[in-house]
C-alpha atoms as a PDB file:
ATOM      1  CA  MET A   1     -46.032 -26.875 -31.672  1.00  0.00           C
ATOM      2  CA  PRO A   2     -46.549 -26.582 -35.505  1.00  0.00           C
ATOM      3  CA  ALA A   3     -43.504 -25.998 -37.314  1.00  0.00           C
ATOM      4  CA  GLU A   4     -44.218 -22.875 -39.016  1.00  0.00           C
ATOM      5  CA  LYS A   5     -45.458 -21.426 -36.057  1.00  0.00           C
ATOM      6  CA  SER A   6     -42.158 -22.608 -33.751  1.00  0.00           C
ATOM      7  CA  ASN A   7     -39.937 -21.121 -37.167  1.00  0.00           C
ATOM      8  CA  LYS A   8     -41.728 -17.854 -36.279  1.00  0.00           C
ATOM      9  CA  ASN A   9     -41.173 -17.305 -32.639  1.00  0.00           C
ATOM     10  CA  ILE A  10     -37.853 -18.257 -33.117  1.00  0.00           C
ATOM     11  CA  GLN A  11     -37.380 -15.305 -35.828  1.00  0.00           C
ATOM     12  CA  ASN A  12     -39.240 -12.923 -33.538  1.00  0.00           C
ATOM     13  CA  PHE A  13     -37.070 -13.758 -30.627  1.00  0.00           C
ATOM     14  CA  LEU A  14     -33.788 -13.396 -32.696  1.00  0.00           C
ATOM     15  CA  LYS A  15     -35.491 -10.028 -33.954  1.00  0.00           C
ATOM     16  CA  LEU A  16     -35.724  -9.057 -30.266  1.00  0.00           C
ATOM     17  CA  ILE A  17     -32.130 -10.225 -29.493  1.00  0.00           C
ATOM     18  CA  GLU A  18     -30.738  -7.690 -32.022  1.00  0.00           C
ATOM     19  CA  GLU A  19     -33.146  -4.703 -30.822  1.00  0.00           C
ATOM     20  CA  GLN A  20     -32.078  -5.575 -26.986  1.00  0.00           C
ATOM     21  CA  LYS A  21     -28.351  -5.651 -28.179  1.00  0.00           C
ATOM     22  CA  SER A  22     -28.742  -1.659 -28.845  1.00  0.00           C
ATOM     23  CA  VAL A  23     -29.735  -1.184 -25.389  1.00  0.00           C
ATOM     24  CA  PRO A  24     -27.465   0.372 -23.232  1.00  0.00           C
ATOM     25  CA  TRP A  25     -25.963  -1.839 -20.322  1.00  0.00           C
ATOM     26  CA  THR A  26     -23.335  -0.805 -17.966  1.00  0.00           C
ATOM     27  CA  PRO A  27     -21.079  -4.066 -17.769  1.00  0.00           C
ATOM     28  CA  ARG A  28     -20.064  -4.777 -14.185  1.00  0.00           C
ATOM     29  CA  PHE A  29     -17.213  -7.321 -14.718  1.00  0.00           C
ATOM     30  CA  HIS A  30     -14.446  -5.562 -12.691  1.00  0.00           C
ATOM     31  CA  ALA A  31     -16.826  -4.698 -10.346  1.00  0.00           C
ATOM     32  CA  ILE A  32     -17.802  -8.198  -9.549  1.00  0.00           C
ATOM     33  CA  LEU A  33     -13.811  -9.913  -9.601  1.00  0.00           C
ATOM     34  CA  ASP A  34     -12.949  -6.583  -6.926  1.00  0.00           C
ATOM     35  CA  ALA A  35     -15.529  -8.390  -4.178  1.00  0.00           C
ATOM     36  CA  PHE A  36     -14.847 -11.392  -4.941  1.00  0.00           C
ATOM     37  CA  GLU A  37     -10.670 -10.528  -4.577  1.00  0.00           C
ATOM     38  CA  ASP A  38     -11.606  -8.195  -1.616  1.00  0.00           C
ATOM     39  CA  PHE A  39     -13.452 -11.271  -0.094  1.00  0.00           C
ATOM     40  CA  MET A  40     -10.462 -13.557  -0.759  1.00  0.00           C
ATOM     41  CA  LEU A  41      -7.900 -11.044   0.507  1.00  0.00           C
ATOM     42  CA  HIS A  42      -9.920  -9.931   4.123  1.00  0.00           C
ATOM     43  CA  LYS A  43     -11.537 -13.270   4.545  1.00  0.00           C
ATOM     44  CA  PRO A  44     -14.206 -11.465   6.762  1.00  0.00           C
ATOM     45  CA  GLU A  45     -16.140 -13.560   9.460  1.00  0.00           C
ATOM     46  CA  PRO A  46     -19.266 -15.743   8.358  1.00  0.00           C
ATOM     47  CA  PRO A  47     -22.426 -14.886   9.511  1.00  0.00           C
ATOM     48  CA  ALA A  48     -23.780 -16.265  13.026  1.00  0.00           C
ATOM     49  CA  ALA A  49     -26.228 -18.471  11.099  1.00  0.00           C
ATOM     50  CA  TRP A  50     -23.494 -20.102   8.833  1.00  0.00           C
ATOM     51  CA  LYS A  51     -21.533 -20.952  12.378  1.00  0.00           C
ATOM     52  CA  ALA A  52     -24.748 -22.202  13.714  1.00  0.00           C
ATOM     53  CA  ARG A  53     -25.377 -24.665  10.531  1.00  0.00           C
ATOM     54  CA  PHE A  54     -22.228 -26.500  10.779  1.00  0.00           C
ATOM     55  CA  GLY A  55     -21.774 -26.187  14.737  1.00  0.00           C
ATOM     56  CA  ASP A  56     -18.965 -27.084  16.585  1.00  0.00           C
ATOM     57  CA  ASN A  57     -16.942 -27.743  13.438  1.00  0.00           C
ATOM     58  CA  PRO A  58     -16.829 -24.763  10.678  1.00  0.00           C
ATOM     59  CA  ASN A  59     -13.293 -25.100   9.978  1.00  0.00           C
ATOM     60  CA  LYS A  60     -14.439 -28.388   7.985  1.00  0.00           C
ATOM     61  CA  PHE A  61     -15.930 -26.447   5.489  1.00  0.00           C
ATOM     62  CA  ASP A  62     -14.109 -23.614   4.016  1.00  0.00           C
ATOM     63  CA  TYR A  63     -16.416 -20.498   3.627  1.00  0.00           C
ATOM     64  CA  HIS A  64     -13.642 -18.273   2.004  1.00  0.00           C
ATOM     65  CA  GLN A  65     -13.951 -19.526  -1.338  1.00  0.00           C
ATOM     66  CA  ILE A  66     -15.471 -18.520  -4.484  1.00  0.00           C
ATOM     67  CA  VAL A  67     -16.715 -20.634  -7.704  1.00  0.00           C
ATOM     68  CA  LEU A  68     -15.652 -19.745 -11.143  1.00  0.00           C
ATOM     69  CA  PRO A  69     -17.135 -21.528 -14.441  1.00  0.00           C
ATOM     70  CA  ASP A  70     -15.185 -24.654 -14.747  1.00  0.00           C
ATOM     71  CA  ASP A  71     -13.819 -23.511 -17.821  1.00  0.00           C
ATOM     72  CA  PHE A  72     -11.953 -20.651 -16.428  1.00  0.00           C
ATOM     73  CA  GLN A  73     -10.549 -22.696 -13.324  1.00  0.00           C
ATOM     74  CA  ASP A  74      -7.313 -23.799 -13.371  1.00  0.00           C
ATOM     75  CA  PRO A  75      -6.441 -26.468 -10.495  1.00  0.00           C
ATOM     76  CA  TYR A  76      -2.997 -25.220 -10.263  1.00  0.00           C
ATOM     77  CA  GLU A  77      -4.189 -21.765  -9.279  1.00  0.00           C
ATOM     78  CA  ASP A  78      -5.434 -20.585  -5.925  1.00  0.00           C
ATOM     79  CA  ASP A  79      -8.760 -18.797  -6.518  1.00  0.00           C
ATOM     80  CA  LEU A  80      -7.125 -15.318  -6.727  1.00  0.00           C
ATOM     81  CA  GLY A  81      -5.207 -16.689  -9.075  1.00  0.00           C
ATOM     82  CA  ASN A  82      -7.818 -17.764 -11.201  1.00  0.00           C
ATOM     83  CA  ILE A  83      -9.824 -14.690 -11.174  1.00  0.00           C
ATOM     84  CA  ARG A  84      -6.729 -12.627 -12.349  1.00  0.00           C
ATOM     85  CA  ARG A  85      -6.658 -15.111 -15.371  1.00  0.00           C
ATOM     86  CA  LEU A  86     -10.738 -14.581 -15.906  1.00  0.00           C
ATOM     87  CA  ARG A  87      -9.871 -11.018 -15.604  1.00  0.00           C
ATOM     88  CA  ASP A  88      -7.201 -10.740 -18.118  1.00  0.00           C
ATOM     89  CA  GLU A  89      -9.195 -13.126 -20.715  1.00  0.00           C
ATOM     90  CA  PHE A  90     -11.775 -10.986 -20.455  1.00  0.00           C
ATOM     91  CA  GLU A  91     -11.030  -7.704 -19.594  1.00  0.00           C
ATOM     92  CA  ASN A  92     -12.713  -5.662 -22.222  1.00  0.00           C
ATOM     93  CA  SER A  93     -15.129  -8.676 -23.461  1.00  0.00           C
ATOM     94  CA  ALA A  94     -17.275  -9.885 -20.939  1.00  0.00           C
ATOM     95  CA  SER A  95     -20.542 -11.050 -21.848  1.00  0.00           C
ATOM     96  CA  MET A  96     -23.939 -10.618 -19.803  1.00  0.00           C
ATOM     97  CA  ALA A  97     -24.032 -14.579 -19.397  1.00  0.00           C
ATOM     98  CA  LEU A  98     -20.775 -14.304 -17.783  1.00  0.00           C
ATOM     99  CA  GLU A  99     -21.670 -12.134 -15.233  1.00  0.00           C
ATOM    100  CA  HIS A 100     -24.817 -13.316 -14.409  1.00  0.00           C
ATOM    101  CA  LEU A 101     -23.064 -17.243 -13.844  1.00  0.00           C
ATOM    102  CA  LEU A 102     -20.508 -15.368 -11.545  1.00  0.00           C
ATOM    103  CA  ILE A 103     -22.893 -13.178  -9.273  1.00  0.00           C
ATOM    104  CA  SER A 104     -25.370 -16.254  -9.165  1.00  0.00           C
ATOM    105  CA  ARG A 105     -22.795 -19.030  -8.316  1.00  0.00           C
ATOM    106  CA  ASN A 106     -21.175 -16.617  -5.499  1.00  0.00           C
ATOM    107  CA  TYR A 107     -24.555 -14.746  -4.429  1.00  0.00           C
ATOM    108  CA  PHE A 108     -23.603 -14.959  -0.490  1.00  0.00           C
ATOM    109  CA  ILE A 109     -20.622 -12.459  -0.701  1.00  0.00           C
ATOM    110  CA  PHE A 110     -23.464  -9.964  -1.323  1.00  0.00           C
ATOM    111  CA  GLU A 111     -26.175 -11.747   0.232  1.00  0.00           C
ATOM    112  CA  ASN A 112     -23.987 -11.814   3.216  1.00  0.00           C
ATOM    113  CA  GLY A 113     -23.225  -8.247   3.504  1.00  0.00           C
ATOM    114  CA  HIS A 114     -19.277  -8.572   2.311  1.00  0.00           C
ATOM    115  CA  ALA A 115     -19.761  -6.372  -0.401  1.00  0.00           C
ATOM    116  CA  GLU A 116     -22.398  -3.418  -1.815  1.00  0.00           C
ATOM    117  CA  PRO A 117     -25.286  -5.564  -4.058  1.00  0.00           C
ATOM    118  CA  ILE A 118     -24.272  -5.828  -7.828  1.00  0.00           C
ATOM    119  CA  PRO A 119     -27.220  -6.284  -9.935  1.00  0.00           C
ATOM    120  CA  ALA A 120     -26.801  -9.197 -12.590  1.00  0.00           C
ATOM    121  CA  PRO A 121     -28.062  -9.025 -15.844  1.00  0.00           C
ATOM    122  CA  LYS A 122     -31.639 -10.262 -16.452  1.00  0.00           C
ATOM    123  CA  PRO A 123     -32.269 -13.195 -19.240  1.00  0.00           C
ATOM    124  CA  LEU A 124     -34.831 -12.252 -21.907  1.00  0.00           C
ATOM    125  CA  LEU A 125     -35.560 -15.927 -21.988  1.00  0.00           C
ATOM    126  CA  MET A 126     -34.761 -18.717 -19.787  1.00  0.00           C
ATOM    127  CA  LEU A 127     -36.260 -22.360 -20.614  1.00  0.00           C
ATOM    128  CA  GLU A 128     -36.279 -25.109 -19.002  1.00  0.00           C
ATOM    129  CA  SER A 129     -37.225 -29.422 -19.341  1.00  0.00           C
ATOM    130  CA  VAL A 130     -40.831 -29.866 -18.339  1.00  0.00           C
ATOM    131  CA  ASP A 131     -41.810 -32.991 -16.117  1.00  0.00           C
ATOM    132  CA  ASP A 132     -44.685 -34.112 -19.187  1.00  0.00           C
ATOM    133  CA  GLN A 133     -44.916 -37.848 -20.472  1.00  0.00           C
ATOM    134  CA  ASN A 134     -45.374 -36.578 -23.547  1.00  0.00           C
ATOM    135  CA  SER A 135     -42.071 -34.677 -23.753  1.00  0.00           C
ATOM    136  CA  LYS A 136     -39.206 -36.136 -25.764  1.00  0.00           C
ATOM    137  CA  ILE A 137     -37.049 -34.349 -22.871  1.00  0.00           C
ATOM    138  CA  ASP A 138     -36.339 -37.050 -20.011  1.00  0.00           C
ATOM    139  CA  TRP A 139     -33.374 -35.335 -17.945  1.00  0.00           C
ATOM    140  CA  ASP A 140     -33.259 -32.271 -16.396  1.00  0.00           C
ATOM    141  CA  CYS A 141     -31.703 -29.116 -18.732  1.00  0.00           C
ATOM    142  CA  CYS A 142     -32.204 -25.463 -19.120  1.00  0.00           C
ATOM    143  CA  ILE A 143     -31.099 -22.355 -20.805  1.00  0.00           C
ATOM    144  CA  SER A 144     -30.866 -18.532 -20.080  1.00  0.00           C
ATOM    145  CA  ILE A 145     -30.464 -16.388 -23.027  1.00  0.00           C
ATOM    146  CA  PHE A 146     -29.376 -12.849 -22.346  1.00  0.00           C
ATOM    147  CA  GLN A 147     -29.874  -9.450 -24.595  1.00  0.00           C
ATOM    148  CA  ASP A 148     -26.484  -9.649 -25.861  1.00  0.00           C
ATOM    149  CA  GLY A 149     -26.760 -12.910 -27.473  1.00  0.00           C
ATOM    150  CA  SER A 150     -25.072 -14.209 -24.562  1.00  0.00           C
ATOM    151  CA  TYR A 151     -26.224 -17.895 -23.231  1.00  0.00           C
ATOM    152  CA  TYR A 152     -25.475 -20.051 -20.223  1.00  0.00           C
ATOM    153  CA  ALA A 153     -27.017 -23.702 -20.615  1.00  0.00           C
ATOM    154  CA  TYR A 154     -26.770 -26.882 -18.813  1.00  0.00           C
ATOM    155  CA  ASN A 155     -27.142 -30.415 -19.898  1.00  0.00           C
ATOM    156  CA  LEU A 156     -28.772 -29.648 -23.496  1.00  0.00           C
ATOM    157  CA  ASP A 157     -26.881 -32.796 -24.867  1.00  0.00           C
ATOM    158  CA  HIS A 158     -27.655 -34.902 -22.036  1.00  0.00           C
ATOM    159  CA  ASP A 159     -23.845 -35.248 -20.886  1.00  0.00           C
ATOM    160  CA  GLU A 160     -24.014 -32.484 -17.578  1.00  0.00           C
ATOM    161  CA  GLU A 161     -22.450 -30.519 -19.086  1.00  0.00           C
ATOM    162  CA  GLU A 162     -22.106 -26.551 -18.441  1.00  0.00           C
ATOM    163  CA  GLU A 163     -22.211 -24.229 -21.646  1.00  0.00           C
ATOM    164  CA  LEU A 164     -21.171 -20.487 -21.795  1.00  0.00           C
ATOM    165  CA  GLY A 165     -21.595 -19.205 -24.990  1.00  0.00           C
ATOM    166  CA  GLU A 166     -21.126 -15.704 -26.592  1.00  0.00           C
ATOM    167  CA  ASN A 167     -23.508 -15.657 -29.539  1.00  0.00           C
ATOM    168  CA  PHE A 168     -26.694 -18.184 -29.111  1.00  0.00           C
ATOM    169  CA  ARG A 169     -27.749 -17.531 -32.700  1.00  0.00           C
ATOM    170  CA  ALA A 170     -24.395 -19.498 -33.633  1.00  0.00           C
ATOM    171  CA  SER A 171     -25.666 -22.685 -31.908  1.00  0.00           C
ATOM    172  CA  LEU A 172     -29.532 -22.292 -32.491  1.00  0.00           C
ATOM    173  CA  GLU A 173     -30.075 -24.512 -35.308  1.00  0.00           C
ATOM    174  CA  LYS A 174     -29.023 -27.331 -33.911  1.00  0.00           C
ATOM    175  CA  ARG A 175     -31.017 -26.505 -30.759  1.00  0.00           C
ATOM    176  CA  ILE A 176     -34.268 -25.838 -32.185  1.00  0.00           C
ATOM    177  CA  PRO A 177     -35.955 -29.395 -31.838  1.00  0.00           C
ATOM    178  CA  LEU A 178     -34.819 -29.322 -28.197  1.00  0.00           C
ATOM    179  CA  LEU A 179     -35.863 -25.832 -27.253  1.00  0.00           C
ATOM    180  CA  SER A 180     -38.967 -26.438 -28.885  1.00  0.00           C
ATOM    181  CA  GLU A 181     -39.795 -29.295 -26.242  1.00  0.00           C
ATOM    182  CA  MET A 182     -38.754 -27.127 -23.181  1.00  0.00           C
ATOM    183  CA  GLY A 183     -40.842 -24.984 -20.904  1.00  0.00           C
ATOM    184  CA  LEU A 184     -40.473 -21.170 -20.342  1.00  0.00           C
ATOM    185  CA  VAL A 185     -39.559 -20.115 -16.857  1.00  0.00           C
ATOM    186  CA  ILE A 186     -40.286 -16.606 -15.153  1.00  0.00           C
ATOM    187  CA  PRO A 187     -37.139 -15.427 -13.796  1.00  0.00           C
ATOM    188  CA  VAL A 188     -37.923 -14.282  -9.860  1.00  0.00           C
ATOM    189  CA  GLU A 189     -35.966 -11.348  -8.820  1.00  0.00           C
ATOM    190  CA  GLY A 190     -33.242 -12.490  -6.464  1.00  0.00           C
ATOM    191  CA  ARG A 191     -33.460 -16.044  -6.903  1.00  0.00           C
ATOM    192  CA  ASP A 192     -32.911 -16.045 -11.196  1.00  0.00           C
ATOM    193  CA  TYR A 193     -31.161 -12.878 -11.592  1.00  0.00           C
ATOM    194  CA  GLY A 194     -29.555 -12.051  -8.295  1.00  0.00           C
ATOM    195  CA  PHE A 195     -30.521  -8.211  -7.847  1.00  0.00           C
ATOM    196  CA  LEU A 196     -30.010  -8.695  -4.315  1.00  0.00           C
ATOM    197  CA  LYS A 197     -31.529  -5.175  -2.434  1.00  0.00           C
ATOM    198  CA  ASN A 198     -30.263  -3.825   0.889  1.00  0.00           C
END
């Protein structure tokens, strides 16, 4: 893509983010963590399909666990303690990217009926590496950018690191060459933004 056209597309996208920031959004951060805490405290029975999958020894695998972003897991805390730490840290400032990550990593809690479905924020833009001999990216990586400017990225620096950021604009300049090599992903309901219907 010519540099001039790429720059114009990026400026248009940044303008879209600024416009979308004014669109009302109802955070569900505390409802998500409430569902996690309830799941951990009450330890509901796993569904029959999960038990059948592990045969006679389902206790070998712990069904009653949640997955939080690595940066917010203290190895000396149990899951409930880490949930409380996360709640305290983002009490009034949870981003759409964080909510999306929490739901998508723990969708089974909602899918298996242990909590009422909670719609995850929809990404404005999803990009991932493409399997193309002409691409300069020869590793798997992806990024999802949300209307509040927050983003989740994986392996952008070819280091297998996750990145959860509050301000995509701040990291944009160093990312432009990489992002211009990535392909657009169309979000799929239920898979990519976690809207689980009854």
